[in-house]
Amino acid sequence: MANSFGSTMERQGVPTGATVEVRTQYLAGQWAHGYEIAEALPSGYRIRRRGSQEVLSEVFQAADVRPDGDR
């Protein structure tokens, strides 16, 4: 996916706090907004809910994260 943060080099360049959308697991093909990068890892991303500041326990793969507004 061209607009996701794909390679390890790209992940290292994504700043913590960048606003992103995540692919939902419940509705195929849907994206949810209101998230930000909490941490970039070699295996993917830790994501934080912007409202509650809760960091989700799941590590999201690069293909499941895109810049907010990249519709």
N, C-alpha and C. Protein backbone atom coordinates (compact mmCIF):
# COMPACT_ATOMS: atom_id res chain seq x y z
N MET A 1 0.86 -1.18 0.00
CA MET A 1 0.00 0.00 0.00
C MET A 1 0.90 1.24 0.00
N ALA A 2 0.76 2.06 -0.98
CA ALA A 2 1.67 3.17 -1.18
C ALA A 2 1.58 4.24 -0.09
N ASN A 3 0.42 4.40 0.50
CA ASN A 3 0.25 5.48 1.46
C ASN A 3 0.41 5.05 2.91
N SER A 4 0.74 3.79 3.15
CA SER A 4 0.99 3.36 4.53
C SER A 4 2.44 3.63 4.86
N PHE A 5 2.78 3.55 6.11
CA PHE A 5 4.16 3.72 6.54
C PHE A 5 4.80 2.34 6.46
N GLY A 6 5.37 1.99 5.32
CA GLY A 6 5.73 0.61 5.04
C GLY A 6 7.05 0.10 5.54
N SER A 7 8.16 0.54 5.00
CA SER A 7 9.44 -0.07 5.30
C SER A 7 9.96 0.34 6.67
N THR A 8 10.96 -0.38 7.14
CA THR A 8 11.58 -0.05 8.42
C THR A 8 12.11 1.38 8.39
N MET A 9 12.72 1.79 7.28
CA MET A 9 13.24 3.15 7.19
C MET A 9 12.11 4.16 7.30
N GLU A 10 10.98 3.91 6.66
CA GLU A 10 9.85 4.83 6.76
C GLU A 10 9.34 4.89 8.19
N ARG A 11 9.23 3.72 8.86
CA ARG A 11 8.75 3.71 10.23
C ARG A 11 9.66 4.53 11.13
N GLN A 12 10.97 4.43 10.92
CA GLN A 12 11.89 5.19 11.77
C GLN A 12 11.70 6.68 11.58
N GLY A 13 11.19 7.11 10.43
CA GLY A 13 11.00 8.52 10.16
C GLY A 13 9.65 9.06 10.60
N VAL A 14 8.74 8.19 11.01
CA VAL A 14 7.41 8.63 11.44
C VAL A 14 7.51 9.11 12.87
N PRO A 15 7.20 10.36 13.11
CA PRO A 15 7.36 10.87 14.47
C PRO A 15 6.28 10.35 15.41
N THR A 16 6.67 10.12 16.64
CA THR A 16 5.70 9.80 17.67
C THR A 16 4.72 10.96 17.75
N GLY A 17 3.46 10.64 17.83
CA GLY A 17 2.43 11.67 17.88
C GLY A 17 1.81 11.98 16.53
N ALA A 18 2.35 11.40 15.43
CA ALA A 18 1.76 11.63 14.11
C ALA A 18 0.32 11.11 14.12
N THR A 19 -0.61 11.90 13.59
CA THR A 19 -2.01 11.53 13.54
C THR A 19 -2.22 10.52 12.41
N VAL A 20 -2.87 9.40 12.74
CA VAL A 20 -3.07 8.33 11.77
C VAL A 20 -4.49 7.78 11.83
N GLU A 21 -4.83 7.03 10.80
CA GLU A 21 -6.03 6.21 10.77
C GLU A 21 -5.57 4.76 10.81
N VAL A 22 -6.40 3.89 11.37
CA VAL A 22 -6.08 2.46 11.41
C VAL A 22 -7.19 1.68 10.73
N ARG A 23 -6.79 0.61 10.06
CA ARG A 23 -7.76 -0.26 9.40
C ARG A 23 -8.54 -1.01 10.48
N THR A 24 -9.86 -0.99 10.37
CA THR A 24 -10.68 -1.67 11.37
C THR A 24 -10.65 -3.17 11.14
N GLN A 25 -10.80 -3.91 12.21
CA GLN A 25 -10.87 -5.36 12.12
C GLN A 25 -12.32 -5.82 12.02
N TYR A 26 -13.25 -4.92 12.23
CA TYR A 26 -14.66 -5.29 12.31
C TYR A 26 -15.42 -5.03 11.02
N LEU A 27 -15.05 -4.00 10.29
CA LEU A 27 -15.71 -3.67 9.03
C LEU A 27 -14.66 -3.68 7.92
N ALA A 28 -14.67 -4.69 7.10
CA ALA A 28 -13.66 -4.84 6.05
C ALA A 28 -13.60 -3.59 5.17
N GLY A 29 -12.39 -3.12 4.94
CA GLY A 29 -12.18 -1.97 4.07
C GLY A 29 -12.42 -0.62 4.71
N GLN A 30 -12.74 -0.59 6.00
CA GLN A 30 -13.01 0.67 6.69
C GLN A 30 -11.80 1.12 7.50
N TRP A 31 -11.65 2.43 7.63
CA TRP A 31 -10.56 3.02 8.41
C TRP A 31 -11.16 3.85 9.53
N ALA A 32 -10.51 3.83 10.68
CA ALA A 32 -10.96 4.61 11.83
C ALA A 32 -9.95 5.71 12.11
N HIS A 33 -10.44 6.90 12.39
CA HIS A 33 -9.55 8.02 12.70
C HIS A 33 -9.57 8.28 14.20
N GLY A 34 -8.71 9.20 14.63
CA GLY A 34 -8.65 9.53 16.06
C GLY A 34 -7.52 8.83 16.79
N TYR A 35 -6.49 8.45 16.05
CA TYR A 35 -5.35 7.73 16.63
C TYR A 35 -4.06 8.46 16.30
N GLU A 36 -3.01 8.12 17.02
CA GLU A 36 -1.69 8.66 16.74
C GLU A 36 -0.64 7.59 17.04
N ILE A 37 0.53 7.79 16.50
CA ILE A 37 1.64 6.86 16.72
C ILE A 37 2.15 7.06 18.15
N ALA A 38 2.13 5.99 18.93
CA ALA A 38 2.70 6.04 20.27
C ALA A 38 4.15 5.59 20.23
N GLU A 39 4.46 4.63 19.34
CA GLU A 39 5.81 4.09 19.25
C GLU A 39 5.96 3.34 17.93
N ALA A 40 7.07 3.53 17.24
CA ALA A 40 7.39 2.76 16.05
C ALA A 40 8.34 1.64 16.46
N LEU A 41 8.00 0.42 16.08
CA LEU A 41 8.79 -0.76 16.41
C LEU A 41 9.22 -1.43 15.12
N PRO A 42 10.23 -2.28 15.16
CA PRO A 42 10.61 -3.02 13.95
C PRO A 42 9.45 -3.87 13.40
N SER A 43 8.55 -4.30 14.28
CA SER A 43 7.44 -5.17 13.86
C SER A 43 6.16 -4.41 13.51
N GLY A 44 6.13 -3.10 13.71
CA GLY A 44 4.92 -2.33 13.41
C GLY A 44 4.81 -1.10 14.30
N TYR A 45 3.59 -0.78 14.70
CA TYR A 45 3.34 0.44 15.47
C TYR A 45 2.51 0.16 16.71
N ARG A 46 2.82 0.86 17.78
CA ARG A 46 1.92 0.95 18.93
C ARG A 46 1.11 2.22 18.67
N ILE A 47 -0.19 2.11 18.86
CA ILE A 47 -1.12 3.19 18.54
C ILE A 47 -1.79 3.70 19.82
N ARG A 48 -1.99 5.01 19.88
CA ARG A 48 -2.64 5.66 21.02
C ARG A 48 -3.95 6.30 20.55
N ARG A 49 -4.99 6.14 21.35
CA ARG A 49 -6.24 6.86 21.09
C ARG A 49 -6.02 8.32 21.47
N ARG A 50 -6.36 9.21 20.59
CA ARG A 50 -6.10 10.63 20.84
C ARG A 50 -6.94 11.17 21.98
N GLY A 51 -8.18 10.75 22.10
CA GLY A 51 -9.06 11.28 23.13
C GLY A 51 -8.66 10.86 24.53
N SER A 52 -8.55 9.56 24.74
CA SER A 52 -8.28 9.04 26.08
C SER A 52 -6.79 8.89 26.38
N GLN A 53 -5.95 9.00 25.35
CA GLN A 53 -4.50 8.81 25.47
C GLN A 53 -4.13 7.36 25.81
N GLU A 54 -5.08 6.44 25.67
CA GLU A 54 -4.83 5.02 25.94
C GLU A 54 -3.99 4.43 24.80
N VAL A 55 -2.91 3.73 25.15
CA VAL A 55 -2.10 3.03 24.17
C VAL A 55 -2.69 1.63 24.03
N LEU A 56 -3.02 1.25 22.80
CA LEU A 56 -3.60 -0.05 22.54
C LEU A 56 -2.54 -1.13 22.67
N SER A 57 -2.93 -2.30 23.13
CA SER A 57 -1.96 -3.38 23.38
C SER A 57 -1.48 -4.04 22.09
N GLU A 58 -2.29 -4.01 21.06
CA GLU A 58 -1.95 -4.64 19.79
C GLU A 58 -0.87 -3.84 19.07
N VAL A 59 0.03 -4.54 18.38
CA VAL A 59 0.99 -3.89 17.50
C VAL A 59 0.39 -3.94 16.10
N PHE A 60 0.20 -2.78 15.48
CA PHE A 60 -0.40 -2.69 14.16
C PHE A 60 0.66 -2.80 13.08
N GLN A 61 0.37 -3.59 12.05
CA GLN A 61 1.26 -3.73 10.91
C GLN A 61 1.20 -2.46 10.06
N ALA A 62 2.26 -2.20 9.30
CA ALA A 62 2.35 -0.99 8.49
C ALA A 62 1.18 -0.86 7.52
N ALA A 63 0.71 -1.96 6.94
CA ALA A 63 -0.38 -1.92 5.99
C ALA A 63 -1.71 -1.53 6.63
N ASP A 64 -1.78 -1.56 7.95
CA ASP A 64 -3.00 -1.25 8.67
C ASP A 64 -2.99 0.14 9.29
N VAL A 65 -2.00 0.96 8.91
CA VAL A 65 -1.86 2.32 9.42
C VAL A 65 -1.60 3.25 8.24
N ARG A 66 -2.28 4.39 8.24
CA ARG A 66 -2.02 5.38 7.18
C ARG A 66 -2.17 6.77 7.78
N PRO A 67 -1.56 7.76 7.13
CA PRO A 67 -1.69 9.14 7.63
C PRO A 67 -3.16 9.55 7.68
N ASP A 68 -3.56 10.27 8.68
CA ASP A 68 -4.93 10.72 8.82
C ASP A 68 -5.31 11.61 7.64
N GLY A 69 -6.48 11.38 7.10
CA GLY A 69 -6.96 12.18 5.98
C GLY A 69 -6.51 11.65 4.63
N ASP A 70 -5.86 10.51 4.58
CA ASP A 70 -5.34 9.95 3.33
C ASP A 70 -6.38 9.04 2.70
N ARG A 71 -7.54 9.59 2.42
CA ARG A 71 -8.66 8.80 1.90
C ARG A 71 -8.67 8.77 0.41
